[in-house]
PDB file of N, CA and C in Angstrom:
ATOM      1  N   MET A   1       0.847  -1.204  -0.025  1.00  0.00           N
ATOM      2  CA  MET A   1       0.009  -0.030   0.026  1.00  0.00           C
ATOM      3  C   MET A   1       0.864   1.237   0.039  1.00  0.00           C
ATOM      4  N   ARG A   2       0.444   2.217  -0.781  1.00  0.00           N
ATOM      5  CA  ARG A   2       1.269   3.484  -0.847  1.00  0.00           C
ATOM      6  C   ARG A   2       0.516   4.509  -0.095  1.00  0.00           C
ATOM      7  N   HIS A   3       1.143   5.407   0.594  1.00  0.00           N
ATOM      8  CA  HIS A   3       0.545   6.602   1.238  1.00  0.00           C
ATOM      9  C   HIS A   3       0.548   7.716   0.088  1.00  0.00           C
ATOM     10  N   GLU A   4      -0.613   8.294  -0.063  1.00  0.00           N
ATOM     11  CA  GLU A   4      -0.727   9.343  -1.084  1.00  0.00           C
ATOM     12  C   GLU A   4      -0.972  10.605  -0.270  1.00  0.00           C
ATOM     13  N   HIS A   5      -0.216  11.725  -0.608  1.00  0.00           N
ATOM     14  CA  HIS A   5      -0.514  12.931   0.186  1.00  0.00           C
ATOM     15  C   HIS A   5      -0.516  14.162  -0.954  1.00  0.00           C
ATOM     16  N   GLN A   6      -1.510  14.891  -0.958  1.00  0.00           N
ATOM     17  CA  GLN A   6      -1.532  16.011  -1.822  1.00  0.00           C
ATOM     18  C   GLN A   6      -0.764  17.100  -1.185  1.00  0.00           C
ATOM     19  N   VAL A   7       0.100  17.857  -2.108  1.00  0.00           N
ATOM     20  CA  VAL A   7       0.907  19.049  -1.733  1.00  0.00           C
ATOM     21  C   VAL A   7       0.541  20.190  -2.751  1.00  0.00           C
ATOM     22  N   GLN A   8       0.804  21.349  -2.205  1.00  0.00           N
ATOM     23  CA  GLN A   8       0.543  22.605  -3.088  1.00  0.00           C
ATOM     24  C   GLN A   8       1.757  23.438  -3.096  1.00  0.00           C
ATOM     25  N   LEU A   9       2.240  23.785  -4.184  1.00  0.00           N
ATOM     26  CA  LEU A   9       3.313  24.720  -4.496  1.00  0.00           C
ATOM     27  C   LEU A   9       2.813  26.061  -4.034  1.00  0.00           C
ATOM     28  N   ARG A  10       3.793  26.889  -3.594  1.00  0.00           N
ATOM     29  CA  ARG A  10       3.478  28.178  -3.267  1.00  0.00           C
ATOM     30  C   ARG A  10       4.052  29.117  -4.268  1.00  0.00           C
ATOM     31  N   TRP A  11       3.543  30.268  -4.330  1.00  0.00           N
ATOM     32  CA  TRP A  11       4.098  31.338  -5.248  1.00  0.00           C
ATOM     33  C   TRP A  11       5.525  31.564  -5.034  1.00  0.00           C
ATOM     34  N   SER A  12       5.989  31.468  -3.794  1.00  0.00           N
ATOM     35  CA  SER A  12       7.358  31.797  -3.411  1.00  0.00           C
ATOM     36  C   SER A  12       8.322  30.573  -3.677  1.00  0.00           C
ATOM     37  N   ASP A  13       7.827  29.509  -4.162  1.00  0.00           N
ATOM     38  CA  ASP A  13       8.664  28.360  -4.362  1.00  0.00           C
ATOM     39  C   ASP A  13       9.694  28.344  -5.499  1.00  0.00           C
ATOM     40  N   PRO A  14       9.246  29.044  -6.690  1.00  0.00           N
ATOM     41  CA  PRO A  14      10.081  29.103  -7.801  1.00  0.00           C
ATOM     42  C   PRO A  14      11.300  30.031  -7.458  1.00  0.00           C
ATOM     43  N   ASP A  15      12.474  29.706  -8.101  1.00  0.00           N
ATOM     44  CA  ASP A  15      13.601  30.591  -8.099  1.00  0.00           C
ATOM     45  C   ASP A  15      13.659  31.371  -9.233  1.00  0.00           C
ATOM     46  N   MET A  16      14.727  32.343  -9.437  1.00  0.00           N
ATOM     47  CA  MET A  16      14.787  33.211 -10.639  1.00  0.00           C
ATOM     48  C   MET A  16      14.918  32.500 -11.935  1.00  0.00           C
ATOM     49  N   LEU A  17      15.076  31.297 -12.061  1.00  0.00           N
ATOM     50  CA  LEU A  17      15.065  30.552 -13.302  1.00  0.00           C
ATOM     51  C   LEU A  17      13.763  29.994 -13.646  1.00  0.00           C
ATOM     52  N   GLY A  18      12.762  30.154 -12.778  1.00  0.00           N
ATOM     53  CA  GLY A  18      11.380  29.813 -13.167  1.00  0.00           C
ATOM     54  C   GLY A  18      10.994  28.396 -12.782  1.00  0.00           C
ATOM     55  N   HIS A  19      11.904  27.607 -12.062  1.00  0.00           N
ATOM     56  CA  HIS A  19      11.533  26.220 -11.642  1.00  0.00           C
ATOM     57  C   HIS A  19      11.585  26.281 -10.133  1.00  0.00           C
ATOM     58  N   VAL A  20      10.962  25.301  -9.565  1.00  0.00           N
ATOM     59  CA  VAL A  20      10.859  25.254  -8.038  1.00  0.00           C
ATOM     60  C   VAL A  20      12.286  24.904  -7.503  1.00  0.00           C
ATOM     61  N   ASN A  21      12.709  25.662  -6.586  1.00  0.00           N
ATOM     62  CA  ASN A  21      14.059  25.582  -6.005  1.00  0.00           C
ATOM     63  C   ASN A  21      14.134  24.104  -5.283  1.00  0.00           C
ATOM     64  N   HIS A  22      15.343  23.682  -5.370  1.00  0.00           N
ATOM     65  CA  HIS A  22      15.462  22.194  -4.947  1.00  0.00           C
ATOM     66  C   HIS A  22      15.183  22.062  -3.370  1.00  0.00           C
ATOM     67  N   ALA A  23      15.490  23.062  -2.584  1.00  0.00           N
ATOM     68  CA  ALA A  23      15.216  23.068  -1.175  1.00  0.00           C
ATOM     69  C   ALA A  23      13.757  23.063  -0.868  1.00  0.00           C
ATOM     70  N   ARG A  24      13.080  23.956  -1.596  1.00  0.00           N
ATOM     71  CA  ARG A  24      11.652  24.123  -1.481  1.00  0.00           C
ATOM     72  C   ARG A  24      10.950  22.759  -1.767  1.00  0.00           C
ATOM     73  N   ALA A  25      11.443  22.064  -2.818  1.00  0.00           N
ATOM     74  CA  ALA A  25      10.866  20.773  -3.125  1.00  0.00           C
ATOM     75  C   ALA A  25      11.027  19.662  -2.122  1.00  0.00           C
ATOM     76  N   LEU A  26      12.228  19.769  -1.332  1.00  0.00           N
ATOM     77  CA  LEU A  26      12.367  18.854  -0.219  1.00  0.00           C
ATOM     78  C   LEU A  26      11.323  19.071   0.873  1.00  0.00           C
ATOM     79  N   SER A  27      10.781  20.306   1.049  1.00  0.00           N
ATOM     80  CA  SER A  27       9.814  20.596   2.025  1.00  0.00           C
ATOM     81  C   SER A  27       8.420  19.952   1.667  1.00  0.00           C
ATOM     82  N   LEU A  28       8.285  19.820   0.332  1.00  0.00           N
ATOM     83  CA  LEU A  28       6.994  19.079  -0.036  1.00  0.00           C
ATOM     84  C   LEU A  28       7.011  17.614   0.347  1.00  0.00           C
ATOM     85  N   LEU A  29       8.218  17.058   0.176  1.00  0.00           N
ATOM     86  CA  LEU A  29       8.392  15.574   0.555  1.00  0.00           C
ATOM     87  C   LEU A  29       8.318  15.449   2.035  1.00  0.00           C
ATOM     88  N   GLU A  30       8.819  16.378   2.699  1.00  0.00           N
ATOM     89  CA  GLU A  30       8.755  16.441   4.267  1.00  0.00           C
ATOM     90  C   GLU A  30       7.293  16.507   4.642  1.00  0.00           C
ATOM     91  N   ASP A  31       6.495  17.346   4.072  1.00  0.00           N
ATOM     92  CA  ASP A  31       5.093  17.507   4.389  1.00  0.00           C
ATOM     93  C   ASP A  31       4.426  16.056   4.204  1.00  0.00           C
ATOM     94  N   ALA A  32       4.700  15.376   3.186  1.00  0.00           N
ATOM     95  CA  ALA A  32       4.128  14.097   2.911  1.00  0.00           C
ATOM     96  C   ALA A  32       4.510  13.060   3.956  1.00  0.00           C
ATOM     97  N   ARG A  33       5.849  13.276   4.327  1.00  0.00           N
ATOM     98  CA  ARG A  33       6.444  12.212   5.312  1.00  0.00           C
ATOM     99  C   ARG A  33       5.742  12.410   6.699  1.00  0.00           C
ATOM    100  N   LEU A  34       5.714  13.761   7.045  1.00  0.00           N
ATOM    101  CA  LEU A  34       4.984  14.075   8.313  1.00  0.00           C
ATOM    102  C   LEU A  34       3.692  13.558   8.336  1.00  0.00           C
ATOM    103  N   ALA A  35       2.917  13.630   7.310  1.00  0.00           N
ATOM    104  CA  ALA A  35       1.485  13.210   7.304  1.00  0.00           C
ATOM    105  C   ALA A  35       1.483  11.653   7.465  1.00  0.00           C
ATOM    106  N   MET A  36       2.430  10.962   6.853  1.00  0.00           N
ATOM    107  CA  MET A  36       2.549   9.528   6.971  1.00  0.00           C
ATOM    108  C   MET A  36       2.989   9.051   8.342  1.00  0.00           C
ATOM    109  N   VAL A  37       3.922   9.705   8.900  1.00  0.00           N
ATOM    110  CA  VAL A  37       4.450   9.434  10.209  1.00  0.00           C
ATOM    111  C   VAL A  37       3.340   9.750  11.318  1.00  0.00           C
ATOM    112  N   ASP A  38       2.634  10.884  11.076  1.00  0.00           N
ATOM    113  CA  ASP A  38       1.510  11.255  12.105  1.00  0.00           C
ATOM    114  C   ASP A  38       0.547  10.041  12.305  1.00  0.00           C
ATOM    115  N   ARG A  39       0.409   9.148  11.354  1.00  0.00           N
ATOM    116  CA  ARG A  39      -0.589   8.085  11.395  1.00  0.00           C
ATOM    117  C   ARG A  39      -0.037   6.978  12.233  1.00  0.00           C
ATOM    118  N   GLN A  40       1.223   6.826  12.491  1.00  0.00           N
ATOM    119  CA  GLN A  40       1.807   5.691  12.990  1.00  0.00           C
ATOM    120  C   GLN A  40       1.875   5.726  14.531  1.00  0.00           C
ATOM    121  N   PRO A  41       1.905   4.671  15.218  1.00  0.00           N
ATOM    122  CA  PRO A  41       2.021   4.729  16.762  1.00  0.00           C
ATOM    123  C   PRO A  41       3.377   5.302  17.209  1.00  0.00           C
ATOM    124  N   GLY A  42       3.315   5.962  18.345  1.00  0.00           N
ATOM    125  CA  GLY A  42       4.591   6.476  18.927  1.00  0.00           C
ATOM    126  C   GLY A  42       5.123   7.712  18.211  1.00  0.00           C
ATOM    127  N   GLY A  43       5.489   7.680  17.065  1.00  0.00           N
ATOM    128  CA  GLY A  43       6.008   8.812  16.368  1.00  0.00           C
ATOM    129  C   GLY A  43       7.345   9.297  16.636  1.00  0.00           C
ATOM    130  N   SER A  44       8.170   8.496  17.414  1.00  0.00           N
ATOM    131  CA  SER A  44       9.543   8.977  17.765  1.00  0.00           C
ATOM    132  C   SER A  44      10.538   8.441  16.820  1.00  0.00           C
ATOM    133  N   MET A  45      10.699   9.207  15.753  1.00  0.00           N
ATOM    134  CA  MET A  45      11.665   8.898  14.633  1.00  0.00           C
ATOM    135  C   MET A  45      12.493  10.107  14.252  1.00  0.00           C
ATOM    136  N   ILE A  46      13.641   9.817  13.725  1.00  0.00           N
ATOM    137  CA  ILE A  46      14.474  10.878  13.334  1.00  0.00           C
ATOM    138  C   ILE A  46      14.878  10.491  11.840  1.00  0.00           C
ATOM    139  N   LEU A  47      15.154  11.481  11.069  1.00  0.00           N
ATOM    140  CA  LEU A  47      15.664  11.275   9.778  1.00  0.00           C
ATOM    141  C   LEU A  47      17.187  11.199   9.813  1.00  0.00           C
ATOM    142  N   ALA A  48      17.553   9.988   9.218  1.00  0.00           N
ATOM    143  CA  ALA A  48      18.997   9.628   9.297  1.00  0.00           C
ATOM    144  C   ALA A  48      19.832   9.813   7.962  1.00  0.00           C
ATOM    145  N   ARG A  49      19.060   9.682   6.874  1.00  0.00           N
ATOM    146  CA  ARG A  49      19.609   9.727   5.549  1.00  0.00           C
ATOM    147  C   ARG A  49      18.497  10.118   4.606  1.00  0.00           C
ATOM    148  N   LEU A  50      18.990  10.995   3.587  1.00  0.00           N
ATOM    149  CA  LEU A  50      18.136  11.450   2.591  1.00  0.00           C
ATOM    150  C   LEU A  50      18.938  11.484   1.255  1.00  0.00           C
ATOM    151  N   GLU A  51      18.521  10.735   0.318  1.00  0.00           N
ATOM    152  CA  GLU A  51      19.056  10.647  -1.016  1.00  0.00           C
ATOM    153  C   GLU A  51      18.134  11.099  -2.046  1.00  0.00           C
ATOM    154  N   VAL A  52      18.317  12.075  -2.845  1.00  0.00           N
ATOM    155  CA  VAL A  52      17.273  12.718  -3.722  1.00  0.00           C
ATOM    156  C   VAL A  52      17.781  12.751  -5.193  1.00  0.00           C
ATOM    157  N   ASP A  53      16.942  12.258  -6.063  1.00  0.00           N
ATOM    158  CA  ASP A  53      17.188  12.428  -7.503  1.00  0.00           C
ATOM    159  C   ASP A  53      16.139  13.337  -8.078  1.00  0.00           C
ATOM    160  N   TYR A  54      16.780  14.458  -8.778  1.00  0.00           N
ATOM    161  CA  TYR A  54      15.844  15.446  -9.431  1.00  0.00           C
ATOM    162  C   TYR A  54      15.748  15.013 -10.832  1.00  0.00           C
ATOM    163  N   LEU A  55      14.640  14.463 -11.180  1.00  0.00           N
ATOM    164  CA  LEU A  55      14.575  13.893 -12.494  1.00  0.00           C
ATOM    165  C   LEU A  55      14.058  14.744 -13.585  1.00  0.00           C
ATOM    166  N   ARG A  56      13.334  15.724 -13.182  1.00  0.00           N
ATOM    167  CA  ARG A  56      12.899  16.737 -14.203  1.00  0.00           C
ATOM    168  C   ARG A  56      12.601  18.082 -13.418  1.00  0.00           C
ATOM    169  N   GLN A  57      12.435  19.160 -14.083  1.00  0.00           N
ATOM    170  CA  GLN A  57      12.179  20.378 -13.445  1.00  0.00           C
ATOM    171  C   GLN A  57      10.682  20.431 -12.857  1.00  0.00           C
ATOM    172  N   LEU A  58      10.478  21.052 -11.846  1.00  0.00           N
ATOM    173  CA  LEU A  58       9.270  21.123 -11.222  1.00  0.00           C
ATOM    174  C   LEU A  58       8.776  22.653 -11.351  1.00  0.00           C
ATOM    175  N   TYR A  59       7.593  22.816 -11.871  1.00  0.00           N
ATOM    176  CA  TYR A  59       7.074  24.286 -12.158  1.00  0.00           C
ATOM    177  C   TYR A  59       5.968  24.653 -11.238  1.00  0.00           C
ATOM    178  N   TYR A  60       5.961  25.784 -10.714  1.00  0.00           N
ATOM    179  CA  TYR A  60       4.744  26.399 -10.036  1.00  0.00           C
ATOM    180  C   TYR A  60       3.673  26.666 -11.042  1.00  0.00           C
ATOM    181  N   ARG A  61       2.459  26.315 -10.669  1.00  0.00           N
ATOM    182  CA  ARG A  61       1.338  26.563 -11.404  1.00  0.00           C
ATOM    183  C   ARG A  61       0.099  26.843 -10.388  1.00  0.00           C
ATOM    184  N   VAL A  62      -0.642  27.999 -10.559  1.00  0.00           N
ATOM    185  CA  VAL A  62      -1.538  28.362  -9.772  1.00  0.00           C
ATOM    186  C   VAL A  62      -2.642  27.448  -9.398  1.00  0.00           C
ATOM    187  N   ALA A  63      -2.845  26.872  -8.229  1.00  0.00           N
ATOM    188  CA  ALA A  63      -3.885  26.079  -7.942  1.00  0.00           C
ATOM    189  C   ALA A  63      -3.769  24.588  -8.463  1.00  0.00           C
ATOM    190  N   GLU A  64      -2.522  24.215  -8.701  1.00  0.00           N
ATOM    191  CA  GLU A  64      -2.222  22.846  -9.151  1.00  0.00           C
ATOM    192  C   GLU A  64      -1.790  22.005  -8.063  1.00  0.00           C
ATOM    193  N   PRO A  65      -2.698  20.988  -7.611  1.00  0.00           N
ATOM    194  CA  PRO A  65      -2.304  20.138  -6.545  1.00  0.00           C
ATOM    195  C   PRO A  65      -1.320  19.097  -7.121  1.00  0.00           C
ATOM    196  N   LEU A  66      -0.334  18.647  -6.368  1.00  0.00           N
ATOM    197  CA  LEU A  66       0.551  17.600  -6.818  1.00  0.00           C
ATOM    198  C   LEU A  66       0.450  16.452  -5.751  1.00  0.00           C
ATOM    199  N   CYS A  67       0.885  15.340  -6.091  1.00  0.00           N
ATOM    200  CA  CYS A  67       0.696  14.205  -5.145  1.00  0.00           C
ATOM    201  C   CYS A  67       2.104  13.650  -4.939  1.00  0.00           C
ATOM    202  N   VAL A  68       2.390  13.245  -3.755  1.00  0.00           N
ATOM    203  CA  VAL A  68       3.626  12.666  -3.257  1.00  0.00           C
ATOM    204  C   VAL A  68       3.209  11.266  -2.872  1.00  0.00           C
ATOM    205  N   SER A  69       3.802  10.198  -3.494  1.00  0.00           N
ATOM    206  CA  SER A  69       3.551   8.829  -3.029  1.00  0.00           C
ATOM    207  C   SER A  69       4.715   8.312  -2.158  1.00  0.00           C
ATOM    208  N   SER A  70       4.334   7.608  -1.131  1.00  0.00           N
ATOM    209  CA  SER A  70       5.462   7.203  -0.272  1.00  0.00           C
ATOM    210  C   SER A  70       5.110   5.692   0.154  1.00  0.00           C
ATOM    211  N   TRP A  71       6.137   4.881   0.173  1.00  0.00           N
ATOM    212  CA  TRP A  71       6.064   3.550   0.668  1.00  0.00           C
ATOM    213  C   TRP A  71       7.292   3.067   1.355  1.00  0.00           C
ATOM    214  N   VAL A  72       7.261   1.937   1.922  1.00  0.00           N
ATOM    215  CA  VAL A  72       8.393   1.391   2.617  1.00  0.00           C
ATOM    216  C   VAL A  72       9.177   0.378   1.760  1.00  0.00           C
ATOM    217  N   THR A  73      10.379   0.521   1.500  1.00  0.00           N
ATOM    218  CA  THR A  73      11.126  -0.347   0.704  1.00  0.00           C
ATOM    219  C   THR A  73      12.035  -1.296   1.564  1.00  0.00           C
ATOM    220  N   ARG A  74      12.325  -0.931   2.777  1.00  0.00           N
ATOM    221  CA  ARG A  74      13.080  -1.888   3.685  1.00  0.00           C
ATOM    222  C   ARG A  74      12.608  -1.442   5.104  1.00  0.00           C
ATOM    223  N   LEU A  75      12.301  -2.600   5.887  1.00  0.00           N
ATOM    224  CA  LEU A  75      11.883  -2.490   7.266  1.00  0.00           C
ATOM    225  C   LEU A  75      12.902  -3.326   8.007  1.00  0.00           C
ATOM    226  N   GLY A  76      13.649  -2.576   8.829  1.00  0.00           N
ATOM    227  CA  GLY A  76      14.802  -3.183   9.668  1.00  0.00           C
ATOM    228  C   GLY A  76      14.344  -3.432  11.008  1.00  0.00           C
ATOM    229  N   THR A  77      15.391  -3.544  11.971  1.00  0.00           N
ATOM    230  CA  THR A  77      15.096  -3.663  13.382  1.00  0.00           C
ATOM    231  C   THR A  77      14.848  -2.421  14.041  1.00  0.00           C
ATOM    232  N   LYS A  78      15.652  -1.341  13.732  1.00  0.00           N
ATOM    233  CA  LYS A  78      15.637  -0.028  14.373  1.00  0.00           C
ATOM    234  C   LYS A  78      15.257   1.170  13.323  1.00  0.00           C
ATOM    235  N   SER A  79      15.219   0.773  12.083  1.00  0.00           N
ATOM    236  CA  SER A  79      14.963   1.697  10.937  1.00  0.00           C
ATOM    237  C   SER A  79      14.150   1.194   9.901  1.00  0.00           C
ATOM    238  N   LEU A  80      13.634   2.200   9.035  1.00  0.00           N
ATOM    239  CA  LEU A  80      12.881   1.808   7.833  1.00  0.00           C
ATOM    240  C   LEU A  80      13.334   2.716   6.828  1.00  0.00           C
ATOM    241  N   THR A  81      13.287   2.326   5.556  1.00  0.00           N
ATOM    242  CA  THR A  81      13.607   3.312   4.415  1.00  0.00           C
ATOM    243  C   THR A  81      12.285   3.385   3.624  1.00  0.00           C
ATOM    244  N   LEU A  82      11.946   4.678   3.383  1.00  0.00           N
ATOM    245  CA  LEU A  82      10.804   5.111   2.462  1.00  0.00           C
ATOM    246  C   LEU A  82      11.310   5.479   1.097  1.00  0.00           C
ATOM    247  N   ARG A  83      10.567   5.113   0.122  1.00  0.00           N
ATOM    248  CA  ARG A  83      10.818   5.760  -1.162  1.00  0.00           C
ATOM    249  C   ARG A  83       9.590   6.806  -1.373  1.00  0.00           C
ATOM    250  N   GLN A  84       9.985   7.983  -1.796  1.00  0.00           N
ATOM    251  CA  GLN A  84       8.964   8.997  -2.132  1.00  0.00           C
ATOM    252  C   GLN A  84       9.097   9.492  -3.500  1.00  0.00           C
ATOM    253  N   GLU A  85       7.994   9.770  -4.176  1.00  0.00           N
ATOM    254  CA  GLU A  85       8.032  10.157  -5.569  1.00  0.00           C
ATOM    255  C   GLU A  85       7.088  11.311  -5.627  1.00  0.00           C
ATOM    256  N   LEU A  86       7.352  12.430  -6.213  1.00  0.00           N
ATOM    257  CA  LEU A  86       6.606  13.629  -6.468  1.00  0.00           C
ATOM    258  C   LEU A  86       6.375  13.769  -7.890  1.00  0.00           C
ATOM    259  N   VAL A  87       5.142  13.710  -8.430  1.00  0.00           N
ATOM    260  CA  VAL A  87       4.788  13.637  -9.786  1.00  0.00           C
ATOM    261  C   VAL A  87       4.175  14.935 -10.221  1.00  0.00           C
ATOM    262  N   GLN A  88       4.508  15.367 -11.439  1.00  0.00           N
ATOM    263  CA  GLN A  88       3.953  16.466 -12.043  1.00  0.00           C
ATOM    264  C   GLN A  88       3.765  16.075 -13.601  1.00  0.00           C
ATOM    265  N   ASP A  89       2.769  16.481 -14.164  1.00  0.00           N
ATOM    266  CA  ASP A  89       2.370  16.129 -15.650  1.00  0.00           C
ATOM    267  C   ASP A  89       2.514  14.695 -15.882  1.00  0.00           C
ATOM    268  N   GLY A  90       2.140  13.799 -14.937  1.00  0.00           N
ATOM    269  CA  GLY A  90       2.269  12.508 -15.156  1.00  0.00           C
ATOM    270  C   GLY A  90       3.560  11.680 -15.072  1.00  0.00           C
ATOM    271  N   GLU A  91       4.566  12.521 -14.736  1.00  0.00           N
ATOM    272  CA  GLU A  91       5.893  11.977 -14.670  1.00  0.00           C
ATOM    273  C   GLU A  91       6.552  12.318 -13.255  1.00  0.00           C
ATOM    274  N   VAL A  92       7.520  11.429 -12.861  1.00  0.00           N
ATOM    275  CA  VAL A  92       8.106  11.534 -11.585  1.00  0.00           C
ATOM    276  C   VAL A  92       9.143  12.748 -11.677  1.00  0.00           C
ATOM    277  N   ALA A  93       9.050  13.840 -11.032  1.00  0.00           N
ATOM    278  CA  ALA A  93       9.956  14.915 -11.061  1.00  0.00           C
ATOM    279  C   ALA A  93      11.080  14.689  -9.951  1.00  0.00           C
ATOM    280  N   ILE A  94      10.688  14.091  -8.749  1.00  0.00           N
ATOM    281  CA  ILE A  94      11.611  13.967  -7.726  1.00  0.00           C
ATOM    282  C   ILE A  94      11.408  12.589  -7.071  1.00  0.00           C
ATOM    283  N   ARG A  95      12.454  11.899  -6.928  1.00  0.00           N
ATOM    284  CA  ARG A  95      12.500  10.592  -6.166  1.00  0.00           C
ATOM    285  C   ARG A  95      13.516  10.604  -5.008  1.00  0.00           C
ATOM    286  N   ALA A  96      12.995  10.258  -3.948  1.00  0.00           N
ATOM    287  CA  ALA A  96      13.806  10.243  -2.633  1.00  0.00           C
ATOM    288  C   ALA A  96      13.823   8.974  -1.946  1.00  0.00           C
ATOM    289  N   ASP A  97      14.997   8.648  -1.380  1.00  0.00           N
ATOM    290  CA  ASP A  97      15.103   7.389  -0.530  1.00  0.00           C
ATOM    291  C   ASP A  97      15.351   7.985   0.861  1.00  0.00           C
ATOM    292  N   VAL A  98      14.519   7.694   1.956  1.00  0.00           N
ATOM    293  CA  VAL A  98      14.653   8.373   3.210  1.00  0.00           C
ATOM    294  C   VAL A  98      14.757   7.301   4.223  1.00  0.00           C
ATOM    295  N   VAL A  99      15.846   7.280   5.035  1.00  0.00           N
ATOM    296  CA  VAL A  99      16.001   6.258   6.195  1.00  0.00           C
ATOM    297  C   VAL A  99      15.537   7.142   7.450  1.00  0.00           C
ATOM    298  N   LEU A 100      14.487   6.421   8.105  1.00  0.00           N
ATOM    299  CA  LEU A 100      13.979   7.005   9.239  1.00  0.00           C
ATOM    300  C   LEU A 100      14.455   6.004  10.463  1.00  0.00           C
ATOM    301  N   VAL A 101      14.891   6.483  11.505  1.00  0.00           N
ATOM    302  CA  VAL A 101      15.333   5.678  12.662  1.00  0.00           C
ATOM    303  C   VAL A 101      14.429   5.962  13.804  1.00  0.00           C
ATOM    304  N   MET A 102      14.109   4.741  14.424  1.00  0.00           N
ATOM    305  CA  MET A 102      13.220   4.916  15.676  1.00  0.00           C
ATOM    306  C   MET A 102      14.103   5.377  16.818  1.00  0.00           C
ATOM    307  N   PHE A 103      13.639   6.301  17.583  1.00  0.00           N
ATOM    308  CA  PHE A 103      14.532   7.041  18.551  1.00  0.00           C
ATOM    309  C   PHE A 103      13.853   7.275  19.745  1.00  0.00           C
ATOM    310  N   ASP A 104      14.624   7.054  20.875  1.00  0.00           N
ATOM    311  CA  ASP A 104      14.318   7.178  22.294  1.00  0.00           C
ATOM    312  C   ASP A 104      14.925   8.594  22.631  1.00  0.00           C
ATOM    313  N   PHE A 105      14.141   9.665  22.629  1.00  0.00           N
ATOM    314  CA  PHE A 105      14.636  10.955  22.900  1.00  0.00           C
ATOM    315  C   PHE A 105      15.115  11.169  24.351  1.00  0.00           C
ATOM    316  N   ALA A 106      14.424  10.564  25.304  1.00  0.00           N
ATOM    317  CA  ALA A 106      14.870  10.582  26.787  1.00  0.00           C
ATOM    318  C   ALA A 106      16.263  10.021  26.894  1.00  0.00           C
ATOM    319  N   GLY A 107      16.579   8.927  26.186  1.00  0.00           N
ATOM    320  CA  GLY A 107      17.880   8.292  26.411  1.00  0.00           C
ATOM    321  C   GLY A 107      18.860   8.829  25.364  1.00  0.00           C
ATOM    322  N   ASP A 108      18.446   9.342  24.325  1.00  0.00           N
ATOM    323  CA  ASP A 108      19.168   9.976  23.183  1.00  0.00           C
ATOM    324  C   ASP A 108      19.880   8.870  22.489  1.00  0.00           C
ATOM    325  N   VAL A 109      19.085   7.715  22.203  1.00  0.00           N
ATOM    326  CA  VAL A 109      19.612   6.599  21.432  1.00  0.00           C
ATOM    327  C   VAL A 109      18.584   6.044  20.532  1.00  0.00           C
ATOM    328  N   SER A 110      19.032   5.280  19.570  1.00  0.00           N
ATOM    329  CA  SER A 110      18.139   4.679  18.726  1.00  0.00           C
ATOM    330  C   SER A 110      17.494   3.423  19.439  1.00  0.00           C
ATOM    331  N   ARG A 111      16.335   2.972  19.023  1.00  0.00           N
ATOM    332  CA  ARG A 111      15.666   1.812  19.585  1.00  0.00           C
ATOM    333  C   ARG A 111      15.003   0.971  18.614  1.00  0.00           C
ATOM    334  N   ALA A 112      14.658  -0.145  18.982  1.00  0.00           N
ATOM    335  CA  ALA A 112      13.975  -1.168  18.057  1.00  0.00           C
ATOM    336  C   ALA A 112      12.520  -0.730  17.899  1.00  0.00           C
ATOM    337  N   LEU A 113      12.001  -1.077  16.659  1.00  0.00           N
ATOM    338  CA  LEU A 113      10.515  -0.897  16.443  1.00  0.00           C
ATOM    339  C   LEU A 113       9.830  -1.743  17.391  1.00  0.00           C
ATOM    340  N   THR A 114       8.634  -1.180  17.835  1.00  0.00           N
ATOM    341  CA  THR A 114       7.773  -1.965  18.678  1.00  0.00           C
ATOM    342  C   THR A 114       6.866  -2.974  17.817  1.00  0.00           C
ATOM    343  N   ASP A 115       6.374  -3.902  18.209  1.00  0.00           N
ATOM    344  CA  ASP A 115       5.535  -4.840  17.467  1.00  0.00           C
ATOM    345  C   ASP A 115       4.348  -3.917  16.789  1.00  0.00           C
ATOM    346  N   GLU A 116       3.779  -3.014  17.436  1.00  0.00           N
ATOM    347  CA  GLU A 116       2.629  -2.306  16.901  1.00  0.00           C
ATOM    348  C   GLU A 116       3.273  -1.439  15.806  1.00  0.00           C
ATOM    349  N   GLU A 117       4.414  -0.929  15.932  1.00  0.00           N
ATOM    350  CA  GLU A 117       5.013   0.040  14.920  1.00  0.00           C
ATOM    351  C   GLU A 117       5.314  -0.969  13.681  1.00  0.00           C
ATOM    352  N   ARG A 118       5.914  -2.001  13.936  1.00  0.00           N
ATOM    353  CA  ARG A 118       6.255  -2.966  12.866  1.00  0.00           C
ATOM    354  C   ARG A 118       4.874  -3.324  12.144  1.00  0.00           C
ATOM    355  N   ARG A 119       3.852  -3.634  12.788  1.00  0.00           N
ATOM    356  CA  ARG A 119       2.660  -3.916  12.076  1.00  0.00           C
ATOM    357  C   ARG A 119       2.143  -2.723  11.170  1.00  0.00           C
ATOM    358  N   HIS A 120       2.197  -1.591  11.790  1.00  0.00           N
ATOM    359  CA  HIS A 120       1.793  -0.487  11.016  1.00  0.00           C
ATOM    360  C   HIS A 120       2.677  -0.211   9.756  1.00  0.00           C
ATOM    361  N   TRP A 121       3.946  -0.171   9.929  1.00  0.00           N
ATOM    362  CA  TRP A 121       4.874   0.034   8.779  1.00  0.00           C
ATOM    363  C   TRP A 121       4.817  -1.114   7.736  1.00  0.00           C
ATOM    364  N   SER A 122       4.563  -2.348   8.184  1.00  0.00           N
ATOM    365  CA  SER A 122       4.461  -3.496   7.221  1.00  0.00           C
ATOM    366  C   SER A 122       3.411  -3.250   6.214  1.00  0.00           C
ATOM    367  N   GLY A 123       2.382  -2.536   6.580  1.00  0.00           N
ATOM    368  CA  GLY A 123       1.235  -2.135   5.684  1.00  0.00           C
ATOM    369  C   GLY A 123       1.735  -1.417   4.467  1.00  0.00           C
ATOM    370  N   TYR A 124       2.754  -0.741   4.580  1.00  0.00           N
ATOM    371  CA  TYR A 124       3.347   0.183   3.562  1.00  0.00           C
ATOM    372  C   TYR A 124       4.520  -0.493   2.831  1.00  0.00           C
ATOM    373  N   VAL A 125       4.877  -1.736   3.072  1.00  0.00           N
ATOM    374  CA  VAL A 125       6.016  -2.378   2.504  1.00  0.00           C
ATOM    375  C   VAL A 125       5.666  -2.750   1.052  1.00  0.00           C
ATOM    376  N   GLU A 126       6.646  -2.350   0.146  1.00  0.00           N
ATOM    377  CA  GLU A 126       6.491  -2.637  -1.243  1.00  0.00           C
ATOM    378  C   GLU A 126       7.822  -2.693  -1.748  1.00  0.00           C
ATOM    379  N   SER A 127       8.166  -3.625  -2.739  1.00  0.00           N
ATOM    380  CA  SER A 127       9.544  -3.800  -3.297  1.00  0.00           C
ATOM    381  C   SER A 127       9.788  -2.846  -4.473  1.00  0.00           C
TER     382      SER A 127
END
């Protein structure tokens, strides 16, 4: 199962070259990730790795909603890897692989996924 999240570009997102700035595009992926994480039990995760491919330019268009698809490609003992794709005009514009680590903020250490967390994230596993 994939998590689908609608995002909206803002007038301030394009740079002087007319395409959406790469850093602004990352905030769209973050919005989708936060919406997905918000649904899971616990919510104590940190971003450990972010690998991004900018496959085509992304353009601001008034009132054009875009969709970010997210799914789990790897479910480990203490972490999981998400694949995220942002599509515009029927093509993937941005693809990211994100490693999220379960984290105990009180102890300032990583921790294992609970059984409940593993069940939740298993629903998003896709190869």
